[in-house]
């Protein structure tokens, strides 16, 4: 029997044979649901020496500033997802320059892939999940109003990479 023929779908929790983690299993056909981490893609997009930030119009952290970022879609490359998120959140066209960082956030089951990008056109505007967008000089970034620790990490890692010309991929700061 295939999972598609089961009207109920996965309905019991158990450890499948040969596995070591409890998962949802279909009682009728044995189909296993593998609940894996979400992948977030985004970018530190620059135009000259200014960085694109978006003020969130959604929870969590409504009203706080973030990078253009969001969940990777099925059948989408990570870089294409980052470009799409910049467009959706800031009506921004970007060109990916390289992978800046991979941040692991196990407590919320996320892996974040943050790219370095060049903002192709200064004409940006808020998308439907954004209250406003703005290009910030480094010393004008609203540090106390950043939505998430990983936004701060990415901004600092991007600044460090550009200053040292060391573009190796960064990871979570020590202790996180």
Protein backbone atom coordinates (compact mmCIF):
# COMPACT_ATOMS: atom_id res chain seq x y z
CA UNK A 1 0.00 0.00 0.00
CA UNK A 2 1.31 3.46 -0.82
CA UNK A 3 0.93 6.52 1.32
CA UNK A 4 -1.27 8.16 -1.32
CA UNK A 5 -3.97 5.51 -0.78
CA UNK A 6 -4.17 6.20 2.94
CA UNK A 7 -6.90 8.73 3.78
CA UNK A 8 -5.46 9.50 7.19
CA UNK A 9 -1.77 9.86 6.51
CA UNK A 10 0.90 9.71 9.21
CA UNK A 11 -0.86 9.27 12.51
CA UNK A 12 1.37 7.56 15.06
CA UNK A 13 4.71 8.46 16.62
CA UNK A 14 7.36 5.82 16.73
CA UNK A 15 10.93 4.93 15.89
CA UNK A 16 11.04 3.36 12.42
CA UNK A 17 13.05 0.19 11.96
CA UNK A 18 16.71 1.04 11.43
CA UNK A 19 16.26 4.61 12.71
CA UNK A 20 17.11 6.19 16.06
CA UNK A 21 14.61 9.08 16.23
CA UNK A 22 10.91 9.19 16.88
CA UNK A 23 8.93 10.25 13.81
CA UNK A 24 5.35 10.39 12.54
CA UNK A 25 4.44 7.14 10.79
CA UNK A 26 1.32 6.20 8.83
CA UNK A 27 -0.40 3.36 10.71
CA UNK A 28 -1.86 2.03 7.44
CA UNK A 29 1.12 1.96 5.08
CA UNK A 30 4.21 2.70 7.18
CA UNK A 31 5.01 5.97 5.35
CA UNK A 32 7.48 8.00 7.44
CA UNK A 33 7.45 11.80 7.69
CA UNK A 34 10.95 13.19 8.03
CA UNK A 35 10.55 16.60 9.67
CA UNK A 36 13.77 18.38 8.73
CA UNK A 37 15.15 21.86 9.44
CA UNK A 38 13.93 24.82 7.43
CA UNK A 39 16.43 26.53 5.16
CA UNK A 40 16.44 30.33 5.21
CA UNK A 41 18.15 32.24 2.40
CA UNK A 42 18.99 35.93 2.40
CA UNK A 43 21.57 38.52 1.56
CA UNK A 44 23.62 41.42 2.75
CA UNK A 45 22.95 43.58 -0.28
CA UNK A 46 25.12 46.66 -0.76
CA UNK A 47 24.94 49.67 -3.01
CA UNK A 48 28.16 51.65 -2.77
CA UNK A 49 28.86 51.58 0.97
CA UNK A 50 25.23 51.34 2.05
CA UNK A 51 23.37 48.19 3.13
CA UNK A 52 19.76 47.30 2.36
CA UNK A 53 17.58 46.60 5.42
CA UNK A 54 13.86 45.92 5.66
CA UNK A 55 11.55 46.80 8.56
CA UNK A 56 9.38 43.74 9.22
CA UNK A 57 5.60 43.94 8.73
CA UNK A 58 5.09 40.42 10.11
CA UNK A 59 5.73 38.51 13.31
CA UNK A 60 8.02 37.52 14.77
CA UNK A 61 9.72 40.82 15.52
CA UNK A 62 7.21 43.10 13.80
CA UNK A 63 8.70 46.57 13.27
CA UNK A 64 12.32 45.47 13.65
CA UNK A 65 14.96 45.71 10.93
CA UNK A 66 16.25 42.65 9.07
CA UNK A 67 18.02 41.56 5.94
CA UNK A 68 15.89 40.53 2.98
CA UNK A 69 15.56 36.82 3.75
CA UNK A 70 13.05 34.01 4.00
CA UNK A 71 12.41 30.33 3.47
CA UNK A 72 13.86 28.54 0.47
CA UNK A 73 11.15 27.11 -1.79
CA UNK A 74 11.06 23.58 -3.21
CA UNK A 75 12.92 23.20 -6.51
CA UNK A 76 14.76 26.52 -5.99
CA UNK A 77 18.50 27.07 -5.77
CA UNK A 78 19.74 28.88 -2.66
CA UNK A 79 21.06 31.86 -4.63
CA UNK A 80 17.82 32.15 -6.64
CA UNK A 81 15.91 32.06 -3.35
CA UNK A 82 17.99 34.92 -1.95
CA UNK A 83 17.35 36.93 -5.11
CA UNK A 84 13.60 36.18 -4.88
CA UNK A 85 13.45 37.21 -1.22
CA UNK A 86 15.16 40.53 -2.00
CA UNK A 87 12.56 41.14 -4.70
CA UNK A 88 9.58 40.09 -2.55
CA UNK A 89 10.60 42.06 0.53
CA UNK A 90 12.23 45.14 -0.98
CA UNK A 91 11.46 45.14 -4.72
CA UNK A 92 15.23 44.94 -4.99
CA UNK A 93 17.20 43.45 -7.85
CA UNK A 94 20.45 41.96 -6.57
CA UNK A 95 23.44 40.14 -7.97
CA UNK A 96 24.87 37.41 -5.76
CA UNK A 97 28.62 37.77 -5.21
CA UNK A 98 29.20 34.73 -3.01
CA UNK A 99 28.19 32.87 0.12
CA UNK A 100 28.88 34.98 3.21
CA UNK A 101 27.80 32.64 6.00
CA UNK A 102 26.03 29.49 7.08
CA UNK A 103 24.32 29.93 10.44
CA UNK A 104 22.93 26.94 12.36
CA UNK A 105 20.01 27.80 14.66
CA UNK A 106 19.09 24.39 16.15
CA UNK A 107 16.66 25.71 18.78
CA UNK A 108 14.28 26.73 15.95
CA UNK A 109 15.45 24.07 13.47
CA UNK A 110 16.84 26.52 10.92
CA UNK A 111 19.89 26.65 8.71
CA UNK A 112 20.48 30.12 7.29
CA UNK A 113 22.45 30.68 4.09
CA UNK A 114 23.36 34.35 3.81
CA UNK A 115 24.94 35.68 0.62
CA UNK A 116 27.00 38.76 -0.19
CA UNK A 117 25.17 40.69 -2.91
CA UNK A 118 25.31 43.86 -4.95
CA UNK A 119 22.15 45.93 -5.14
CA UNK A 120 21.70 46.63 -8.86
CA UNK A 121 19.29 49.55 -8.56
CA UNK A 122 18.76 52.01 -5.73
CA UNK A 123 15.02 52.20 -6.47
CA UNK A 124 13.71 49.88 -3.74
CA UNK A 125 10.35 49.81 -1.99
CA UNK A 126 8.53 47.81 0.66
CA UNK A 127 7.01 44.47 -0.32
CA UNK A 128 3.95 42.97 1.35
CA UNK A 129 5.92 41.64 4.38
CA UNK A 130 7.82 44.90 4.85
CA UNK A 131 6.87 48.23 6.44
CA UNK A 132 9.77 50.14 4.87
CA UNK A 133 13.15 49.62 3.27
CA UNK A 134 16.20 51.77 3.58
CA UNK A 135 19.85 51.84 2.60
CA UNK A 136 22.02 52.40 5.67
CA UNK A 137 25.60 53.57 5.99
CA UNK A 138 27.49 51.40 8.49
CA UNK A 139 27.42 54.00 11.26
CA UNK A 140 23.66 54.58 10.79
CA UNK A 141 22.53 50.94 11.13
CA UNK A 142 19.87 50.75 13.89
CA UNK A 143 21.75 48.10 15.89
CA UNK A 144 19.32 48.12 18.83
CA UNK A 145 16.39 47.56 16.44
CA UNK A 146 17.71 44.52 14.56
CA UNK A 147 15.22 41.66 14.48
CA UNK A 148 17.50 38.67 15.06
CA UNK A 149 21.04 37.89 16.28
CA UNK A 150 21.90 36.40 12.88
CA UNK A 151 21.22 39.78 11.22
CA UNK A 152 23.91 41.33 13.44
CA UNK A 153 26.27 38.41 12.75
CA UNK A 154 25.81 38.74 8.98
CA UNK A 155 26.34 42.50 8.99
CA UNK A 156 29.49 42.15 11.08
CA UNK A 157 30.78 39.21 9.02
CA UNK A 158 30.17 41.12 5.80
CA UNK A 159 32.00 44.18 7.11
CA UNK A 160 34.91 42.01 8.29
CA UNK A 161 35.11 40.14 4.96
CA UNK A 162 35.20 43.37 2.96
CA UNK A 163 37.78 44.96 5.25
CA UNK A 164 40.15 41.97 5.17
CA UNK A 165 39.30 40.78 1.61
CA UNK A 166 38.87 37.32 3.19
CA UNK A 167 35.67 36.00 1.66
CA UNK A 168 35.74 32.54 3.20
CA UNK A 169 32.33 31.45 4.44
CA UNK A 170 31.60 32.41 8.04
CA UNK A 171 29.70 30.42 10.68
CA UNK A 172 27.96 31.17 13.99
CA UNK A 173 30.07 33.22 16.40
CA UNK A 174 31.56 31.22 19.30
CA UNK A 175 28.99 30.34 21.96
CA UNK A 176 25.96 30.37 19.66
